[in-house]
C-alpha atoms as a PDB file:
ATOM      1  CA  MET A   1      -5.819 -19.020 -22.328  1.00  0.00           C
ATOM      2  CA  PRO A   2      -4.359 -15.753 -20.997  1.00  0.00           C
ATOM      3  CA  ARG A   3      -2.625 -15.765 -17.654  1.00  0.00           C
ATOM      4  CA  THR A   4      -4.285 -13.588 -15.049  1.00  0.00           C
ATOM      5  CA  ILE A   5      -2.088 -11.256 -13.001  1.00  0.00           C
ATOM      6  CA  ALA A   6      -3.386  -9.798  -9.731  1.00  0.00           C
ATOM      7  CA  PHE A   7      -1.893  -6.639  -8.231  1.00  0.00           C
ATOM      8  CA  LEU A   8      -2.704  -6.371  -4.510  1.00  0.00           C
ATOM      9  CA  LEU A   9      -2.903  -2.684  -3.605  1.00  0.00           C
ATOM     10  CA  PHE A  10      -2.939  -0.715  -0.367  1.00  0.00           C
ATOM     11  CA  ASP A  11      -2.535   2.840   0.861  1.00  0.00           C
ATOM     12  CA  GLY A  12       1.123   3.805   0.668  1.00  0.00           C
ATOM     13  CA  ALA A  13       2.025   1.466  -2.206  1.00  0.00           C
ATOM     14  CA  GLU A  14       4.865   2.800  -4.342  1.00  0.00           C
ATOM     15  CA  GLU A  15       3.480   3.982  -7.680  1.00  0.00           C
ATOM     16  CA  LEU A  16       6.185   2.604  -9.982  1.00  0.00           C
ATOM     17  CA  ASP A  17       6.086  -0.769  -8.220  1.00  0.00           C
ATOM     18  CA  VAL A  18       2.599  -1.114  -9.670  1.00  0.00           C
ATOM     19  CA  ALA A  19       2.700   0.946 -12.854  1.00  0.00           C
ATOM     20  CA  GLY A  20       6.034  -0.423 -14.108  1.00  0.00           C
ATOM     21  CA  PRO A  21       5.072  -4.126 -14.147  1.00  0.00           C
ATOM     22  CA  TRP A  22       1.511  -3.246 -15.212  1.00  0.00           C
ATOM     23  CA  GLU A  23       2.895  -1.450 -18.284  1.00  0.00           C
ATOM     24  CA  ILE A  24       5.126  -4.381 -19.197  1.00  0.00           C
ATOM     25  CA  PHE A  25       2.429  -7.032 -18.838  1.00  0.00           C
ATOM     26  CA  THR A  26      -0.273  -5.064 -20.624  1.00  0.00           C
ATOM     27  CA  MET A  27       2.138  -4.174 -23.394  1.00  0.00           C
ATOM     28  CA  ALA A  28       2.749  -7.901 -23.840  1.00  0.00           C
ATOM     29  CA  GLU A  29      -1.017  -8.283 -24.259  1.00  0.00           C
ATOM     30  CA  GLU A  30      -1.103  -5.513 -26.866  1.00  0.00           C
ATOM     31  CA  LEU A  31       1.691  -7.124 -28.848  1.00  0.00           C
ATOM     32  CA  GLN A  32       0.361 -10.667 -28.485  1.00  0.00           C
ATOM     33  CA  PRO A  33      -3.393 -10.589 -27.772  1.00  0.00           C
ATOM     34  CA  GLY A  34      -4.733 -13.304 -25.523  1.00  0.00           C
ATOM     35  CA  THR A  35      -1.550 -13.409 -23.436  1.00  0.00           C
ATOM     36  CA  VAL A  36      -2.317 -11.486 -20.245  1.00  0.00           C
ATOM     37  CA  ARG A  37      -5.230 -10.236 -18.206  1.00  0.00           C
ATOM     38  CA  CYS A  38      -4.367  -7.870 -15.327  1.00  0.00           C
ATOM     39  CA  TYR A  39      -6.489  -6.628 -12.443  1.00  0.00           C
ATOM     40  CA  THR A  40      -6.050  -4.666  -9.229  1.00  0.00           C
ATOM     41  CA  ALA A  41      -7.591  -5.394  -5.843  1.00  0.00           C
ATOM     42  CA  SER A  42      -7.613  -3.711  -2.438  1.00  0.00           C
ATOM     43  CA  GLU A  43      -8.992  -4.740   0.924  1.00  0.00           C
ATOM     44  CA  THR A  44     -12.391  -3.076   0.481  1.00  0.00           C
ATOM     45  CA  GLY A  45     -12.303  -2.191  -3.217  1.00  0.00           C
ATOM     46  CA  SER A  46     -12.195   1.494  -2.300  1.00  0.00           C
ATOM     47  CA  PRO A  47      -9.643   3.812  -3.911  1.00  0.00           C
ATOM     48  CA  VAL A  48      -6.129   3.616  -2.524  1.00  0.00           C
ATOM     49  CA  THR A  49      -3.718   6.521  -2.221  1.00  0.00           C
ATOM     50  CA  CYS A  50      -0.214   5.540  -3.223  1.00  0.00           C
ATOM     51  CA  ALA A  51       3.004   6.710  -1.579  1.00  0.00           C
ATOM     52  CA  LYS A  52       3.405   9.810  -3.762  1.00  0.00           C
ATOM     53  CA  GLY A  53      -0.288  10.722  -3.846  1.00  0.00           C
ATOM     54  CA  LEU A  54      -1.547   8.896  -6.947  1.00  0.00           C
ATOM     55  CA  ARG A  55      -5.069   7.559  -6.335  1.00  0.00           C
ATOM     56  CA  VAL A  56      -6.077   4.233  -7.868  1.00  0.00           C
ATOM     57  CA  LEU A  57      -9.561   2.720  -8.122  1.00  0.00           C
ATOM     58  CA  PRO A  58      -9.137  -1.068  -7.783  1.00  0.00           C
ATOM     59  CA  ASP A  59     -11.129  -3.505  -9.872  1.00  0.00           C
ATOM     60  CA  PHE A  60     -12.074  -5.703  -6.918  1.00  0.00           C
ATOM     61  CA  ALA A  61     -12.187  -5.999  -3.165  1.00  0.00           C
ATOM     62  CA  PHE A  62     -10.005  -8.802  -1.849  1.00  0.00           C
ATOM     63  CA  ALA A  63     -13.046 -10.953  -1.096  1.00  0.00           C
ATOM     64  CA  GLU A  64     -14.197 -10.686  -4.731  1.00  0.00           C
ATOM     65  CA  ALA A  65     -10.824 -11.043  -6.439  1.00  0.00           C
ATOM     66  CA  PRO A  66     -10.829 -13.915  -8.940  1.00  0.00           C
ATOM     67  CA  PRO A  67      -8.113 -16.585  -9.099  1.00  0.00           C
ATOM     68  CA  ALA A  68      -4.828 -15.467 -10.589  1.00  0.00           C
ATOM     69  CA  ASP A  69      -1.824 -17.162 -12.143  1.00  0.00           C
ATOM     70  CA  ILE A  70       0.598 -14.501 -10.885  1.00  0.00           C
ATOM     71  CA  VAL A  71       0.125 -12.442  -7.715  1.00  0.00           C
ATOM     72  CA  ILE A  72       2.155  -9.267  -7.295  1.00  0.00           C
ATOM     73  CA  VAL A  73       2.718  -7.403  -4.030  1.00  0.00           C
ATOM     74  CA  PRO A  74       4.211  -3.920  -4.515  1.00  0.00           C
ATOM     75  CA  GLY A  75       6.391  -2.149  -1.996  1.00  0.00           C
ATOM     76  CA  GLY A  76       6.094   1.235  -0.385  1.00  0.00           C
ATOM     77  CA  ILE A  77       5.802   2.637   3.106  1.00  0.00           C
ATOM     78  CA  GLY A  78       2.426   0.928   3.479  1.00  0.00           C
ATOM     79  CA  THR A  79       4.066  -2.490   3.612  1.00  0.00           C
ATOM     80  CA  ARG A  80       5.047  -1.847   7.246  1.00  0.00           C
ATOM     81  CA  ARG A  81       1.328  -1.843   8.043  1.00  0.00           C
ATOM     82  CA  GLU A  82       0.154  -4.527   5.627  1.00  0.00           C
ATOM     83  CA  ARG A  83       2.667  -7.105   6.797  1.00  0.00           C
ATOM     84  CA  ARG A  84       0.689  -7.096  10.050  1.00  0.00           C
ATOM     85  CA  ASN A  85      -2.739  -6.814   8.430  1.00  0.00           C
ATOM     86  CA  PRO A  86      -4.638 -10.127   8.745  1.00  0.00           C
ATOM     87  CA  ALA A  87      -6.967  -9.202   5.870  1.00  0.00           C
ATOM     88  CA  PHE A  88      -4.080  -8.602   3.473  1.00  0.00           C
ATOM     89  CA  LEU A  89      -2.243 -11.757   4.529  1.00  0.00           C
ATOM     90  CA  ALA A  90      -5.436 -13.819   4.192  1.00  0.00           C
ATOM     91  CA  ALA A  91      -6.053 -12.479   0.678  1.00  0.00           C
ATOM     92  CA  LEU A  92      -2.464 -13.221  -0.276  1.00  0.00           C
ATOM     93  CA  GLU A  93      -2.744 -16.766   1.044  1.00  0.00           C
ATOM     94  CA  ARG A  94      -6.030 -17.406  -0.769  1.00  0.00           C
ATOM     95  CA  LEU A  95      -4.829 -16.111  -4.130  1.00  0.00           C
ATOM     96  CA  ARG A  96      -1.390 -17.677  -4.027  1.00  0.00           C
ATOM     97  CA  ALA A  97      -2.854 -21.096  -3.275  1.00  0.00           C
ATOM     98  CA  SER A  98      -3.808 -21.476  -6.931  1.00  0.00           C
ATOM     99  CA  ALA A  99      -1.193 -19.181  -8.478  1.00  0.00           C
ATOM    100  CA  GLY A 100       1.943 -20.389 -10.164  1.00  0.00           C
ATOM    101  CA  VAL A 101       4.005 -17.391  -9.047  1.00  0.00           C
ATOM    102  CA  THR A 102       3.832 -14.963  -6.149  1.00  0.00           C
ATOM    103  CA  ALA A 103       6.054 -11.941  -6.706  1.00  0.00           C
ATOM    104  CA  SER A 104       7.079  -8.851  -4.792  1.00  0.00           C
ATOM    105  CA  VAL A 105       8.578  -5.560  -5.845  1.00  0.00           C
ATOM    106  CA  CYS A 106      10.738  -3.497  -3.507  1.00  0.00           C
ATOM    107  CA  THR A 107       9.636  -3.770   0.143  1.00  0.00           C
ATOM    108  CA  GLY A 108       6.710  -5.944  -0.891  1.00  0.00           C
ATOM    109  CA  ALA A 109       9.155  -8.689   0.113  1.00  0.00           C
ATOM    110  CA  LEU A 110       8.506  -7.726   3.740  1.00  0.00           C
ATOM    111  CA  VAL A 111       4.892  -8.815   3.281  1.00  0.00           C
ATOM    112  CA  LEU A 112       5.981 -12.102   1.746  1.00  0.00           C
ATOM    113  CA  GLU A 113       8.335 -12.586   4.683  1.00  0.00           C
ATOM    114  CA  ALA A 114       5.524 -11.969   7.162  1.00  0.00           C
ATOM    115  CA  ALA A 115       3.423 -14.568   5.343  1.00  0.00           C
ATOM    116  CA  GLY A 116       6.237 -17.123   5.689  1.00  0.00           C
ATOM    117  CA  LEU A 117       6.730 -17.349   1.933  1.00  0.00           C
ATOM    118  CA  LEU A 118      10.452 -16.572   1.954  1.00  0.00           C
ATOM    119  CA  ASP A 119      11.520 -19.174   4.496  1.00  0.00           C
ATOM    120  CA  GLY A 120      14.283 -21.360   3.084  1.00  0.00           C
ATOM    121  CA  ARG A 121      14.681 -19.157   0.025  1.00  0.00           C
ATOM    122  CA  ARG A 122      16.851 -16.454  -1.421  1.00  0.00           C
ATOM    123  CA  ALA A 123      15.201 -13.046  -1.555  1.00  0.00           C
ATOM    124  CA  ILE A 124      15.934  -9.460  -2.443  1.00  0.00           C
ATOM    125  CA  THR A 125      14.265  -6.174  -1.604  1.00  0.00           C
ATOM    126  CA  HIS A 126      14.906  -2.435  -1.559  1.00  0.00           C
ATOM    127  CA  ARG A 127      18.010  -1.606   0.436  1.00  0.00           C
ATOM    128  CA  VAL A 128      15.962  -0.085   3.263  1.00  0.00           C
ATOM    129  CA  GLY A 129      14.222  -3.424   3.749  1.00  0.00           C
ATOM    130  CA  ILE A 130      17.344  -5.573   3.805  1.00  0.00           C
ATOM    131  CA  PRO A 131      18.011  -5.138   7.558  1.00  0.00           C
ATOM    132  CA  ILE A 132      14.446  -6.257   8.261  1.00  0.00           C
ATOM    133  CA  LEU A 133      14.749  -9.371   6.107  1.00  0.00           C
ATOM    134  CA  ARG A 134      18.091 -10.190   7.709  1.00  0.00           C
ATOM    135  CA  GLN A 135      16.342 -10.523  11.060  1.00  0.00           C
ATOM    136  CA  ASN A 136      14.830 -13.752   9.731  1.00  0.00           C
ATOM    137  CA  PRO A 137      17.573 -16.415   9.774  1.00  0.00           C
ATOM    138  CA  ARG A 138      15.533 -18.666   7.476  1.00  0.00           C
ATOM    139  CA  ILE A 139      15.979 -16.267   4.533  1.00  0.00           C
ATOM    140  CA  THR A 140      19.126 -15.935   2.411  1.00  0.00           C
ATOM    141  CA  VAL A 141      19.176 -12.207   1.669  1.00  0.00           C
ATOM    142  CA  VAL A 142      20.924 -11.280  -1.579  1.00  0.00           C
ATOM    143  CA  GLU A 143      22.174  -7.830  -2.510  1.00  0.00           C
ATOM    144  CA  GLY A 144      23.091  -6.485  -5.937  1.00  0.00           C
ATOM    145  CA  ALA A 145      20.616  -8.404  -8.117  1.00  0.00           C
ATOM    146  CA  ARG A 146      17.658  -6.793  -9.844  1.00  0.00           C
ATOM    147  CA  TYR A 147      15.407  -9.786  -9.184  1.00  0.00           C
ATOM    148  CA  LEU A 148      15.583 -13.373  -7.953  1.00  0.00           C
ATOM    149  CA  ASP A 149      13.524 -16.242  -9.375  1.00  0.00           C
ATOM    150  CA  GLU A 150      12.949 -19.051  -6.892  1.00  0.00           C
ATOM    151  CA  GLY A 151      10.345 -20.819  -8.988  1.00  0.00           C
ATOM    152  CA  ASP A 152       7.007 -20.064  -7.380  1.00  0.00           C
ATOM    153  CA  ILE A 153       8.417 -17.019  -5.557  1.00  0.00           C
ATOM    154  CA  VAL A 154      10.040 -14.086  -7.361  1.00  0.00           C
ATOM    155  CA  THR A 155      11.371 -11.007  -5.589  1.00  0.00           C
ATOM    156  CA  ALA A 156      12.663  -7.754  -7.058  1.00  0.00           C
ATOM    157  CA  ALA A 157      14.893  -5.027  -5.679  1.00  0.00           C
ATOM    158  CA  GLY A 158      13.794  -1.429  -5.298  1.00  0.00           C
ATOM    159  CA  VAL A 159      11.116   0.390  -7.304  1.00  0.00           C
ATOM    160  CA  SER A 160      12.318   0.346 -10.941  1.00  0.00           C
ATOM    161  CA  ALA A 161      13.512  -3.259 -10.571  1.00  0.00           C
ATOM    162  CA  GLY A 162       9.884  -4.289 -10.911  1.00  0.00           C
ATOM    163  CA  ILE A 163      10.194  -3.533 -14.622  1.00  0.00           C
ATOM    164  CA  ASP A 164      13.132  -5.935 -14.921  1.00  0.00           C
ATOM    165  CA  MET A 165      11.200  -8.558 -12.980  1.00  0.00           C
ATOM    166  CA  ALA A 166       8.141  -8.188 -15.205  1.00  0.00           C
ATOM    167  CA  LEU A 167      10.255  -8.523 -18.361  1.00  0.00           C
ATOM    168  CA  HIS A 168      11.794 -11.649 -16.852  1.00  0.00           C
ATOM    169  CA  LEU A 169       8.345 -13.131 -16.230  1.00  0.00           C
ATOM    170  CA  VAL A 170       7.276 -12.308 -19.785  1.00  0.00           C
ATOM    171  CA  ARG A 171      10.405 -14.088 -20.995  1.00  0.00           C
ATOM    172  CA  ARG A 172       9.785 -17.026 -18.646  1.00  0.00           C
ATOM    173  CA  PHE A 173       6.141 -17.599 -19.587  1.00  0.00           C
ATOM    174  CA  TRP A 174       5.882 -16.315 -23.156  1.00  0.00           C
ATOM    175  CA  GLY A 175       9.405 -16.463 -24.516  1.00  0.00           C
ATOM    176  CA  ALA A 176      12.427 -14.301 -25.204  1.00  0.00           C
ATOM    177  CA  GLU A 177      11.061 -12.976 -28.495  1.00  0.00           C
ATOM    178  CA  LEU A 178       7.981 -11.393 -26.909  1.00  0.00           C
ATOM    179  CA  ALA A 179      10.053 -10.039 -24.022  1.00  0.00           C
ATOM    180  CA  ALA A 180      12.419  -8.389 -26.510  1.00  0.00           C
ATOM    181  CA  ARG A 181       9.482  -6.865 -28.386  1.00  0.00           C
ATOM    182  CA  VAL A 182       8.022  -5.510 -25.161  1.00  0.00           C
ATOM    183  CA  ARG A 183      11.345  -4.027 -24.143  1.00  0.00           C
ATOM    184  CA  GLU A 184      11.730  -2.375 -27.524  1.00  0.00           C
ATOM    185  CA  ALA A 185       8.175  -1.016 -27.446  1.00  0.00           C
ATOM    186  CA  ALA A 186       8.758   0.369 -23.949  1.00  0.00           C
ATOM    187  CA  GLU A 187      12.154   1.767 -24.999  1.00  0.00           C
ATOM    188  CA  TYR A 188      13.544   0.349 -21.773  1.00  0.00           C
ATOM    189  CA  TYR A 189      17.319   0.382 -22.067  1.00  0.00           C
ATOM    190  CA  PRO A 190      18.815   1.157 -18.641  1.00  0.00           C
ATOM    191  CA  GLU A 191      22.166   2.875 -18.641  1.00  0.00           C
ATOM    192  CA  PRO A 192      25.105   1.118 -16.981  1.00  0.00           C
ATOM    193  CA  ASP A 193      25.414   1.816 -13.292  1.00  0.00           C
ATOM    194  CA  GLU A 194      27.119   5.101 -12.484  1.00  0.00           C
ATOM    195  CA  PRO A 195      28.650   6.192  -9.175  1.00  0.00           C
ATOM    196  CA  PRO A 196      26.335   8.311  -7.048  1.00  0.00           C
ATOM    197  CA  ALA A 197      26.640  12.054  -7.476  1.00  0.00           C
ATOM    198  CA  GLN A 198      28.886  13.724  -4.944  1.00  0.00           C
ATOM    199  CA  PRO A 199      27.123  16.046  -2.496  1.00  0.00           C
ATOM    200  CA  PRO A 200      27.811  19.729  -3.156  1.00  0.00           C
ATOM    201  CA  SER A 201      30.490  21.424  -1.112  1.00  0.00           C
ATOM    202  CA  SER A 202      29.384  23.806   1.587  1.00  0.00           C
ATOM    203  CA  ASP A 203      30.708  26.739  -0.501  1.00  0.00           C
ATOM    204  CA  SER A 204      28.711  25.802  -3.612  1.00  0.00           C
ATOM    205  CA  ALA A 205      25.612  25.105  -1.536  1.00  0.00           C
ATOM    206  CA  ALA A 206      25.929  28.514   0.067  1.00  0.00           C
ATOM    207  CA  ARG A 207      26.274  30.162  -3.343  1.00  0.00           C
ATOM    208  CA  ARG A 208      23.109  28.473  -4.603  1.00  0.00           C
ATOM    209  CA  SER A 209      21.118  29.359  -1.518  1.00  0.00           C
ATOM    210  CA  SER A 210      22.046  33.017  -1.908  1.00  0.00           C
ATOM    211  CA  ALA A 211      21.209  33.111  -5.607  1.00  0.00           C
END
């Protein structure tokens, strides 16, 4: 039987937090049919507008969302609202009750924290969310990892790290061979970390602005 993966959406969700893992999981289904079934859900089932303006029409309202094996909460500026939204937290609690894994990407970890799911665990999030997680002394906040697997809870760092997390879950549930095939099909080969670009000098900035 395929595993069902639920993406819980909201206004202000970061696009790549959703689209990156969605691409990985659905590519696994293309390469090995019968593996994965993905759906999206929002509070009312109405379209959501993501952080950069992409509009998404969810498959279900939260109340109608079917059971899932994996529940994914994306990040984005909207998490600051949803972590205090009783409807979102109730939907998360209902779906995770029968799910094997609840996962967050980026600042989606702030929603998991609000739901009490990170207490007593290690967790990671986007760097802007780390100070918020550190306010909770029951969480061991980790920096520098792309994702952390705590069994039934998996958290990923910022934005693109959701792709790494999804590949990890493919490897965990369906094996290293399928994960390698998905990575090859996606042509996902991140370059080694490079130091951040230096800001331009005031002289070069002035020359560009006058060009």
